[in-house]
Amino acid sequence: MASVTNKTFHLSNSLMRYLYINAAKLELRDEAKLSLARMQELVGGYLEEIWSTPISFTRPRLTVLDNEEGLLKNLPPNVRFPKVYSHGNVLRGPVVIMAVDPEGEQTDLSDDQLARVTILAPNGDYPTLNIRED
């Protein structure tokens, strides 16, 4: 897992759509800027990039961020995410899903990207975060 605690994020001046998941509820949000401090506020601590779609030189990729100390801080379980192979695939605490363009800058989630993200009903103990890849 790659930590993005010290990464510099480049921000555009326009509104940016991103997804916020807490208590297994998927919420579309718009904000003028997502500074590092704001992203840390959203997840409740240091950021950890836990998954992203493959890097593309022609289109933005999806990136999933959570609190890198979620397990240590005993944050409440949020959703199961099968693409992550640690801690029983359960993400703890809030999660942010955003788009990053080929230059590494945050960008607006497209309608196509939004359509690829769903929360599936619990099959066992937790709902499942599903991100359909191309």
Protein backbone atom coordinates (compact mmCIF):
# COMPACT_ATOMS: atom_id res chain seq x y z
CA MET A 1 0.00 0.00 0.00
CA ALA A 2 1.29 3.42 -0.93
CA SER A 3 1.05 6.22 1.58
CA VAL A 4 0.41 9.70 0.27
CA THR A 5 0.99 11.50 3.57
CA ASN A 6 3.69 13.79 2.18
CA LYS A 7 2.52 14.01 -1.42
CA THR A 8 1.78 17.42 -2.91
CA PHE A 9 -1.58 17.50 -4.65
CA HIS A 10 -2.10 20.00 -7.46
CA LEU A 11 -5.51 21.57 -7.47
CA SER A 12 -7.58 23.20 -10.17
CA ASN A 13 -9.60 26.34 -9.43
CA SER A 14 -12.96 24.90 -10.48
CA LEU A 15 -15.38 22.71 -8.52
CA MET A 16 -14.33 19.11 -8.31
CA ARG A 17 -16.64 16.12 -7.85
CA TYR A 18 -15.49 13.28 -5.64
CA LEU A 19 -17.11 10.41 -3.75
CA TYR A 20 -17.19 10.14 0.03
CA ILE A 21 -18.08 6.87 1.76
CA ASN A 22 -18.87 6.71 5.45
CA ALA A 23 -21.00 4.13 7.30
CA ALA A 24 -21.40 2.35 3.92
CA LYS A 25 -23.19 5.37 2.42
CA LEU A 26 -21.94 6.66 -0.92
CA GLU A 27 -22.18 10.43 -1.27
CA LEU A 28 -21.28 12.60 -4.27
CA ARG A 29 -19.69 15.88 -3.18
CA ASP A 30 -18.52 19.05 -4.92
CA GLU A 31 -15.84 21.29 -3.46
CA ALA A 32 -13.78 24.14 -4.83
CA LYS A 33 -10.55 22.61 -3.53
CA LEU A 34 -9.35 19.49 -1.81
CA SER A 35 -6.21 20.56 -0.01
CA LEU A 36 -4.14 17.95 1.80
CA ALA A 37 -5.54 19.26 5.10
CA ARG A 38 -9.12 18.93 3.80
CA MET A 39 -8.55 15.37 2.57
CA GLN A 40 -7.04 14.45 5.96
CA GLU A 41 -10.06 15.99 7.65
CA LEU A 42 -12.38 13.89 5.46
CA VAL A 43 -10.69 10.58 6.39
CA GLY A 44 -9.85 11.58 9.96
CA GLY A 45 -6.05 11.42 9.75
CA TYR A 46 -3.10 10.64 7.50
CA LEU A 47 -3.98 9.65 3.94
CA GLU A 48 -3.21 6.31 2.41
CA GLU A 49 -3.76 5.56 -1.27
CA ILE A 50 -5.02 2.00 -1.07
CA TRP A 51 -5.94 1.37 -4.71
CA SER A 52 -6.12 3.02 -8.10
CA THR A 53 -6.99 2.06 -11.64
CA PRO A 54 -3.97 1.56 -13.91
CA ILE A 55 -2.06 4.67 -14.93
CA SER A 56 -3.13 6.00 -18.30
CA PHE A 57 -1.48 8.67 -20.40
CA THR A 58 -4.79 9.64 -22.00
CA ARG A 59 -7.42 9.74 -19.24
CA PRO A 60 -7.81 10.26 -15.49
CA ARG A 61 -7.59 7.30 -13.14
CA LEU A 62 -9.69 6.55 -10.06
CA THR A 63 -7.90 6.62 -6.71
CA VAL A 64 -9.21 5.32 -3.37
CA LEU A 65 -7.92 7.05 -0.21
CA ASP A 66 -8.49 6.17 3.44
CA ASN A 67 -6.96 6.77 6.87
CA GLU A 68 -3.65 4.92 6.99
CA GLU A 69 -4.11 4.38 10.76
CA GLY A 70 -7.73 3.26 10.56
CA LEU A 71 -7.02 -0.16 12.03
CA LEU A 72 -4.64 1.18 14.72
CA LYS A 73 -7.17 3.84 15.74
CA ASN A 74 -9.91 1.19 15.76
CA LEU A 75 -12.07 3.24 13.39
CA PRO A 76 -15.45 1.64 12.69
CA PRO A 77 -15.66 -0.76 9.75
CA ASN A 78 -17.04 0.96 6.66
CA VAL A 79 -17.15 -1.29 3.60
CA ARG A 80 -15.53 -4.46 2.29
CA PHE A 81 -13.25 -3.78 -0.70
CA PRO A 82 -12.12 -7.02 -2.40
CA LYS A 83 -9.37 -5.23 -4.37
CA VAL A 84 -7.44 -4.79 -1.07
CA TYR A 85 -5.93 -7.94 0.39
CA SER A 86 -5.25 -6.93 3.98
CA HIS A 87 -7.29 -6.73 7.17
CA GLY A 88 -10.02 -8.98 5.78
CA ASN A 89 -10.65 -6.54 2.91
CA VAL A 90 -12.56 -4.24 5.29
CA LEU A 91 -11.86 -0.50 5.07
CA ARG A 92 -12.11 1.28 8.42
CA GLY A 93 -13.29 4.87 8.68
CA PRO A 94 -14.27 7.24 5.88
CA VAL A 95 -13.08 6.73 2.29
CA VAL A 96 -12.54 9.26 -0.51
CA ILE A 97 -12.63 8.29 -4.19
CA MET A 98 -11.28 10.88 -6.58
CA ALA A 99 -9.90 11.23 -10.10
CA VAL A 100 -6.26 12.03 -10.90
CA ASP A 101 -5.27 13.13 -14.40
CA PRO A 102 -2.20 11.83 -16.29
CA GLU A 103 -0.10 14.72 -14.91
CA GLY A 104 -0.95 13.73 -11.32
CA GLU A 105 -3.42 16.56 -10.68
CA GLN A 106 -6.81 16.11 -9.04
CA THR A 107 -9.65 16.41 -11.48
CA ASP A 108 -13.42 16.09 -11.61
CA LEU A 109 -14.91 12.58 -11.60
CA SER A 110 -16.56 11.96 -14.96
CA ASP A 111 -20.07 10.56 -15.30
CA ASP A 112 -18.52 7.33 -16.61
CA GLN A 113 -16.27 7.03 -13.56
CA LEU A 114 -19.19 7.72 -11.22
CA ALA A 115 -21.23 4.99 -12.93
CA ARG A 116 -18.45 2.45 -12.26
CA VAL A 117 -18.60 2.87 -8.45
CA THR A 118 -21.34 1.09 -6.47
CA ILE A 119 -21.98 -0.19 -2.97
CA LEU A 120 -23.42 -3.72 -3.04
CA ALA A 121 -25.76 -5.04 -0.34
CA PRO A 122 -24.07 -6.98 2.46
CA ASN A 123 -23.14 -10.53 1.64
CA GLY A 124 -22.20 -11.48 5.16
CA ASP A 125 -21.09 -8.78 7.56
CA TYR A 126 -20.39 -5.61 5.51
CA PRO A 127 -21.56 -3.92 2.29
CA THR A 128 -19.07 -4.22 -0.57
CA LEU A 129 -17.48 -1.37 -2.48
CA ASN A 130 -17.41 -2.35 -6.15
CA ILE A 131 -15.40 -0.47 -8.79
CA ARG A 132 -15.86 -1.79 -12.30
CA GLU A 133 -12.70 -1.53 -14.39
CA ASP A 134 -12.57 -1.11 -18.17
